[in-house]
Amino acid sequence: MKSRGFLAAAAIGAASVSPAPSYAQSFHVTLTEVQALFQSRDLGARRMVQESLKHAGYYNGAIDGAWGPGTAAAFRALMASDRYQRHAPTWTFAPEVQVSETMFFLTSDAYM
C-alpha cells in the first residue's frame, strides 16, 4: 500500500514538472505586436527602424518615425522574407523579446 502511494505521488510530481519553460519556443509574432512596440519607442528608434527597412528595400516612405501603411507593408514584407523565415522559427526567447527581435531584425548582424 505504501509503495502504491509513493508511485502515485511520483507520477503526479513527474507530470507537473515541465522540461522547459513555456516561453522556450518560437511563437508567431503578429504585425499588431510589432506596431505596438514600434509606437512605444522614442522617435529616434522609430526612425532608425524605418531607415533599416528602407536600406534593406522594404520601405520607400519618408523617415518620419510614424507608423503608417508604408511601415506596416514593410514589416509584412520583412516577416515574409526568406531571411526572416529562416531565423524566426529558431528563436526561443520570451515572446516579448521575439517581438523586439522582429522590430530590430535588420539592425542585427546575428541574422545576416
N, C-alpha and C. Protein backbone atom coordinates (compact mmCIF):
# COMPACT_ATOMS: atom_id res chain seq x y z
N MET A 1 0.82 -1.19 0.00
CA MET A 1 0.00 0.00 0.00
C MET A 1 0.87 1.25 0.00
N LYS A 2 1.92 1.23 0.82
CA LYS A 2 2.78 2.40 0.88
C LYS A 2 3.51 2.63 -0.44
N SER A 3 3.94 1.57 -1.09
CA SER A 3 4.66 1.74 -2.35
C SER A 3 3.72 2.27 -3.43
N ARG A 4 2.47 1.84 -3.38
CA ARG A 4 1.50 2.34 -4.35
C ARG A 4 1.29 3.85 -4.16
N GLY A 5 1.21 4.32 -2.92
CA GLY A 5 1.07 5.75 -2.64
C GLY A 5 2.29 6.52 -3.11
N PHE A 6 3.47 5.93 -2.92
CA PHE A 6 4.70 6.58 -3.38
C PHE A 6 4.73 6.69 -4.89
N LEU A 7 4.34 5.61 -5.57
CA LEU A 7 4.33 5.63 -7.04
C LEU A 7 3.32 6.64 -7.58
N ALA A 8 2.17 6.74 -6.94
CA ALA A 8 1.17 7.71 -7.38
C ALA A 8 1.69 9.13 -7.18
N ALA A 9 2.34 9.37 -6.05
CA ALA A 9 2.89 10.70 -5.79
C ALA A 9 4.00 11.02 -6.78
N ALA A 10 4.83 10.03 -7.09
CA ALA A 10 5.91 10.23 -8.06
C ALA A 10 5.34 10.54 -9.44
N ALA A 11 4.28 9.85 -9.82
CA ALA A 11 3.67 10.07 -11.14
C ALA A 11 3.06 11.47 -11.21
N ILE A 12 2.42 11.90 -10.14
CA ILE A 12 1.84 13.24 -10.12
C ILE A 12 2.94 14.28 -10.17
N GLY A 13 4.00 14.07 -9.40
CA GLY A 13 5.13 15.01 -9.41
C GLY A 13 5.78 15.08 -10.77
N ALA A 14 5.96 13.94 -11.42
CA ALA A 14 6.60 13.92 -12.75
C ALA A 14 5.71 14.61 -13.78
N ALA A 15 4.41 14.46 -13.64
CA ALA A 15 3.50 15.09 -14.60
C ALA A 15 3.50 16.61 -14.46
N SER A 16 3.80 17.10 -13.25
CA SER A 16 3.76 18.54 -13.06
C SER A 16 5.09 19.22 -13.37
N VAL A 17 6.13 18.44 -13.61
CA VAL A 17 7.43 19.02 -13.94
C VAL A 17 7.49 19.24 -15.44
N SER A 18 7.78 20.45 -15.81
CA SER A 18 7.87 20.80 -17.22
C SER A 18 9.34 20.75 -17.63
N PRO A 19 9.66 20.11 -18.75
CA PRO A 19 11.05 20.01 -19.16
C PRO A 19 11.67 21.34 -19.56
N ALA A 20 10.86 22.31 -19.94
CA ALA A 20 11.37 23.61 -20.36
C ALA A 20 10.31 24.66 -20.07
N PRO A 21 10.72 25.89 -19.85
CA PRO A 21 9.72 26.94 -19.64
C PRO A 21 8.80 27.08 -20.85
N SER A 22 7.58 27.54 -20.60
CA SER A 22 6.61 27.62 -21.69
C SER A 22 7.03 28.61 -22.77
N TYR A 23 7.90 29.56 -22.47
CA TYR A 23 8.32 30.53 -23.48
C TYR A 23 9.49 30.02 -24.32
N ALA A 24 10.02 28.86 -24.00
CA ALA A 24 11.20 28.36 -24.70
C ALA A 24 10.82 27.73 -26.04
N GLN A 25 10.08 28.47 -26.81
CA GLN A 25 9.71 28.02 -28.14
C GLN A 25 9.40 29.24 -28.99
N SER A 26 9.52 29.09 -30.27
CA SER A 26 9.20 30.19 -31.15
C SER A 26 7.68 30.35 -31.18
N PHE A 27 7.24 31.57 -31.28
CA PHE A 27 5.81 31.80 -31.43
C PHE A 27 5.62 32.78 -32.56
N HIS A 28 4.44 32.83 -33.09
CA HIS A 28 4.16 33.66 -34.26
C HIS A 28 4.01 35.13 -33.84
N VAL A 29 4.94 35.96 -34.26
CA VAL A 29 4.88 37.40 -33.98
C VAL A 29 3.87 38.01 -34.94
N THR A 30 2.99 38.86 -34.43
CA THR A 30 1.99 39.50 -35.28
C THR A 30 2.39 40.94 -35.59
N LEU A 31 1.85 41.44 -36.66
CA LEU A 31 2.09 42.82 -37.06
C LEU A 31 1.57 43.78 -35.99
N THR A 32 0.48 43.45 -35.35
CA THR A 32 -0.09 44.28 -34.28
C THR A 32 0.89 44.41 -33.12
N GLU A 33 1.57 43.32 -32.78
CA GLU A 33 2.55 43.36 -31.69
C GLU A 33 3.76 44.23 -32.08
N VAL A 34 4.20 44.11 -33.32
CA VAL A 34 5.32 44.92 -33.79
C VAL A 34 4.91 46.40 -33.79
N GLN A 35 3.70 46.68 -34.25
CA GLN A 35 3.21 48.06 -34.27
C GLN A 35 3.18 48.65 -32.86
N ALA A 36 2.68 47.90 -31.90
CA ALA A 36 2.60 48.40 -30.52
C ALA A 36 4.00 48.70 -29.97
N LEU A 37 4.94 47.82 -30.24
CA LEU A 37 6.31 48.07 -29.77
C LEU A 37 6.91 49.27 -30.49
N PHE A 38 6.73 49.34 -31.79
CA PHE A 38 7.23 50.46 -32.59
C PHE A 38 6.73 51.79 -32.02
N GLN A 39 5.44 51.85 -31.77
CA GLN A 39 4.83 53.09 -31.29
C GLN A 39 5.23 53.43 -29.86
N SER A 40 5.71 52.45 -29.11
CA SER A 40 6.13 52.71 -27.73
C SER A 40 7.56 53.25 -27.64
N ARG A 41 8.29 53.19 -28.74
CA ARG A 41 9.69 53.63 -28.75
C ARG A 41 9.78 55.13 -29.05
N ASP A 42 10.94 55.70 -28.70
CA ASP A 42 11.12 57.13 -28.97
C ASP A 42 11.31 57.37 -30.47
N LEU A 43 11.20 58.62 -30.85
CA LEU A 43 11.25 59.00 -32.26
C LEU A 43 12.54 58.53 -32.93
N GLY A 44 13.66 58.65 -32.24
CA GLY A 44 14.94 58.23 -32.82
C GLY A 44 14.97 56.75 -33.15
N ALA A 45 14.46 55.92 -32.26
CA ALA A 45 14.42 54.48 -32.50
C ALA A 45 13.49 54.14 -33.66
N ARG A 46 12.34 54.82 -33.72
CA ARG A 46 11.39 54.56 -34.81
C ARG A 46 12.00 54.95 -36.15
N ARG A 47 12.70 56.06 -36.19
CA ARG A 47 13.36 56.47 -37.44
C ARG A 47 14.46 55.49 -37.83
N MET A 48 15.22 55.01 -36.84
CA MET A 48 16.27 54.04 -37.12
C MET A 48 15.69 52.77 -37.74
N VAL A 49 14.56 52.33 -37.21
CA VAL A 49 13.91 51.14 -37.76
C VAL A 49 13.47 51.40 -39.20
N GLN A 50 12.86 52.55 -39.47
CA GLN A 50 12.45 52.87 -40.83
C GLN A 50 13.65 52.98 -41.77
N GLU A 51 14.74 53.56 -41.30
CA GLU A 51 15.95 53.64 -42.14
C GLU A 51 16.47 52.24 -42.47
N SER A 52 16.45 51.34 -41.49
CA SER A 52 16.89 49.96 -41.73
C SER A 52 15.99 49.27 -42.74
N LEU A 53 14.68 49.47 -42.60
CA LEU A 53 13.73 48.89 -43.55
C LEU A 53 13.96 49.45 -44.95
N LYS A 54 14.22 50.75 -45.04
CA LYS A 54 14.45 51.40 -46.33
C LYS A 54 15.75 50.89 -46.96
N HIS A 55 16.80 50.83 -46.16
CA HIS A 55 18.11 50.36 -46.65
C HIS A 55 18.02 48.92 -47.18
N ALA A 56 17.17 48.11 -46.56
CA ALA A 56 17.01 46.72 -47.00
C ALA A 56 16.03 46.57 -48.16
N GLY A 57 15.39 47.68 -48.57
CA GLY A 57 14.49 47.64 -49.71
C GLY A 57 13.04 47.32 -49.38
N TYR A 58 12.68 47.33 -48.11
CA TYR A 58 11.30 47.02 -47.72
C TYR A 58 10.42 48.26 -47.60
N TYR A 59 11.03 49.42 -47.44
CA TYR A 59 10.28 50.65 -47.15
C TYR A 59 10.71 51.74 -48.10
N ASN A 60 9.75 52.48 -48.62
CA ASN A 60 10.11 53.58 -49.52
C ASN A 60 9.45 54.90 -49.13
N GLY A 61 8.94 54.96 -47.92
CA GLY A 61 8.30 56.19 -47.46
C GLY A 61 9.28 57.14 -46.78
N ALA A 62 8.72 58.19 -46.22
CA ALA A 62 9.52 59.18 -45.50
C ALA A 62 10.01 58.60 -44.17
N ILE A 63 11.20 59.00 -43.77
CA ILE A 63 11.74 58.59 -42.48
C ILE A 63 11.21 59.58 -41.45
N ASP A 64 9.98 59.32 -41.01
CA ASP A 64 9.30 60.26 -40.12
C ASP A 64 9.02 59.67 -38.74
N GLY A 65 9.30 58.39 -38.56
CA GLY A 65 9.06 57.75 -37.27
C GLY A 65 7.61 57.45 -36.99
N ALA A 66 6.75 57.61 -37.99
CA ALA A 66 5.32 57.35 -37.80
C ALA A 66 4.96 55.98 -38.37
N TRP A 67 4.05 55.29 -37.68
CA TRP A 67 3.54 54.02 -38.20
C TRP A 67 2.42 54.34 -39.16
N GLY A 68 2.59 53.97 -40.39
CA GLY A 68 1.56 54.18 -41.39
C GLY A 68 1.51 52.98 -42.31
N PRO A 69 0.79 53.10 -43.42
CA PRO A 69 0.66 51.97 -44.34
C PRO A 69 2.01 51.50 -44.90
N GLY A 70 2.92 52.43 -45.12
CA GLY A 70 4.23 52.05 -45.66
C GLY A 70 5.05 51.24 -44.67
N THR A 71 5.05 51.65 -43.42
CA THR A 71 5.78 50.91 -42.39
C THR A 71 5.15 49.54 -42.17
N ALA A 72 3.83 49.50 -42.15
CA ALA A 72 3.13 48.22 -41.98
C ALA A 72 3.46 47.28 -43.14
N ALA A 73 3.42 47.79 -44.37
CA ALA A 73 3.73 46.97 -45.54
C ALA A 73 5.18 46.49 -45.51
N ALA A 74 6.07 47.36 -45.03
CA ALA A 74 7.48 46.98 -44.95
C ALA A 74 7.67 45.84 -43.96
N PHE A 75 7.02 45.91 -42.82
CA PHE A 75 7.13 44.82 -41.85
C PHE A 75 6.48 43.53 -42.35
N ARG A 76 5.37 43.65 -43.06
CA ARG A 76 4.76 42.45 -43.64
C ARG A 76 5.73 41.78 -44.59
N ALA A 77 6.38 42.58 -45.44
CA ALA A 77 7.33 42.03 -46.41
C ALA A 77 8.54 41.44 -45.69
N LEU A 78 9.04 42.14 -44.69
CA LEU A 78 10.18 41.62 -43.92
C LEU A 78 9.83 40.27 -43.29
N MET A 79 8.67 40.21 -42.63
CA MET A 79 8.28 38.99 -41.93
C MET A 79 7.98 37.84 -42.88
N ALA A 80 7.73 38.14 -44.14
CA ALA A 80 7.50 37.09 -45.14
C ALA A 80 8.79 36.71 -45.87
N SER A 81 9.88 37.46 -45.62
CA SER A 81 11.12 37.22 -46.35
C SER A 81 11.77 35.89 -45.97
N ASP A 82 12.53 35.35 -46.90
CA ASP A 82 13.24 34.09 -46.65
C ASP A 82 14.17 34.20 -45.45
N ARG A 83 14.89 35.32 -45.37
CA ARG A 83 15.85 35.50 -44.27
C ARG A 83 15.16 35.48 -42.92
N TYR A 84 14.07 36.20 -42.77
CA TYR A 84 13.32 36.22 -41.51
C TYR A 84 12.74 34.83 -41.23
N GLN A 85 12.16 34.22 -42.24
CA GLN A 85 11.56 32.90 -42.07
C GLN A 85 12.60 31.83 -41.71
N ARG A 86 13.82 32.04 -42.10
CA ARG A 86 14.89 31.11 -41.77
C ARG A 86 15.29 31.24 -40.30
N HIS A 87 15.24 32.44 -39.74
CA HIS A 87 15.72 32.67 -38.38
C HIS A 87 14.63 32.67 -37.32
N ALA A 88 13.52 33.32 -37.56
CA ALA A 88 12.49 33.48 -36.53
C ALA A 88 12.00 32.16 -35.93
N PRO A 89 11.81 31.11 -36.72
CA PRO A 89 11.32 29.86 -36.12
C PRO A 89 12.31 29.22 -35.13
N THR A 90 13.55 29.66 -35.14
CA THR A 90 14.54 29.06 -34.22
C THR A 90 14.63 29.82 -32.90
N TRP A 91 13.96 30.96 -32.79
CA TRP A 91 14.05 31.76 -31.58
C TRP A 91 13.35 31.09 -30.42
N THR A 92 13.99 31.08 -29.27
CA THR A 92 13.39 30.51 -28.07
C THR A 92 13.33 31.55 -26.95
N PHE A 93 13.38 32.82 -27.32
CA PHE A 93 13.28 33.89 -26.34
C PHE A 93 11.84 34.02 -25.86
N ALA A 94 11.65 34.77 -24.80
CA ALA A 94 10.30 35.10 -24.34
C ALA A 94 9.57 35.82 -25.48
N PRO A 95 8.25 35.67 -25.58
CA PRO A 95 7.50 36.29 -26.68
C PRO A 95 7.78 37.78 -26.87
N GLU A 96 7.89 38.54 -25.76
CA GLU A 96 8.14 39.98 -25.91
C GLU A 96 9.48 40.24 -26.57
N VAL A 97 10.45 39.39 -26.28
CA VAL A 97 11.78 39.54 -26.87
C VAL A 97 11.73 39.18 -28.36
N GLN A 98 10.92 38.19 -28.72
CA GLN A 98 10.77 37.83 -30.13
C GLN A 98 10.15 38.98 -30.92
N VAL A 99 9.24 39.71 -30.31
CA VAL A 99 8.65 40.88 -30.97
C VAL A 99 9.74 41.94 -31.17
N SER A 100 10.54 42.15 -30.14
CA SER A 100 11.64 43.12 -30.24
C SER A 100 12.66 42.68 -31.29
N GLU A 101 12.98 41.40 -31.33
CA GLU A 101 13.92 40.88 -32.34
C GLU A 101 13.37 41.11 -33.74
N THR A 102 12.06 41.00 -33.90
CA THR A 102 11.44 41.26 -35.20
C THR A 102 11.59 42.72 -35.58
N MET A 103 11.30 43.60 -34.63
CA MET A 103 11.37 45.03 -34.94
C MET A 103 12.79 45.46 -35.29
N PHE A 104 13.77 44.92 -34.59
CA PHE A 104 15.16 45.32 -34.82
C PHE A 104 15.94 44.29 -35.64
N PHE A 105 15.24 43.44 -36.34
CA PHE A 105 15.85 42.34 -37.10
C PHE A 105 16.92 42.82 -38.07
N LEU A 106 16.66 43.91 -38.76
CA LEU A 106 17.59 44.39 -39.78
C LEU A 106 18.78 45.14 -39.22
N THR A 107 18.77 45.44 -37.93
CA THR A 107 19.89 46.16 -37.33
C THR A 107 20.87 45.21 -36.66
N SER A 108 20.60 43.90 -36.72
CA SER A 108 21.45 42.92 -36.06
C SER A 108 22.26 42.12 -37.05
N ASP A 109 23.55 42.01 -36.79
CA ASP A 109 24.41 41.17 -37.63
C ASP A 109 24.15 39.70 -37.39
N ALA A 110 23.47 39.36 -36.31
CA ALA A 110 23.23 37.96 -35.97
C ALA A 110 22.39 37.24 -37.01
N TYR A 111 21.62 37.99 -37.78
CA TYR A 111 20.70 37.36 -38.74
C TYR A 111 21.10 37.60 -40.19
N MET A 112 22.33 37.89 -40.41
CA MET A 112 22.83 38.11 -41.79
C MET A 112 22.99 36.79 -42.50
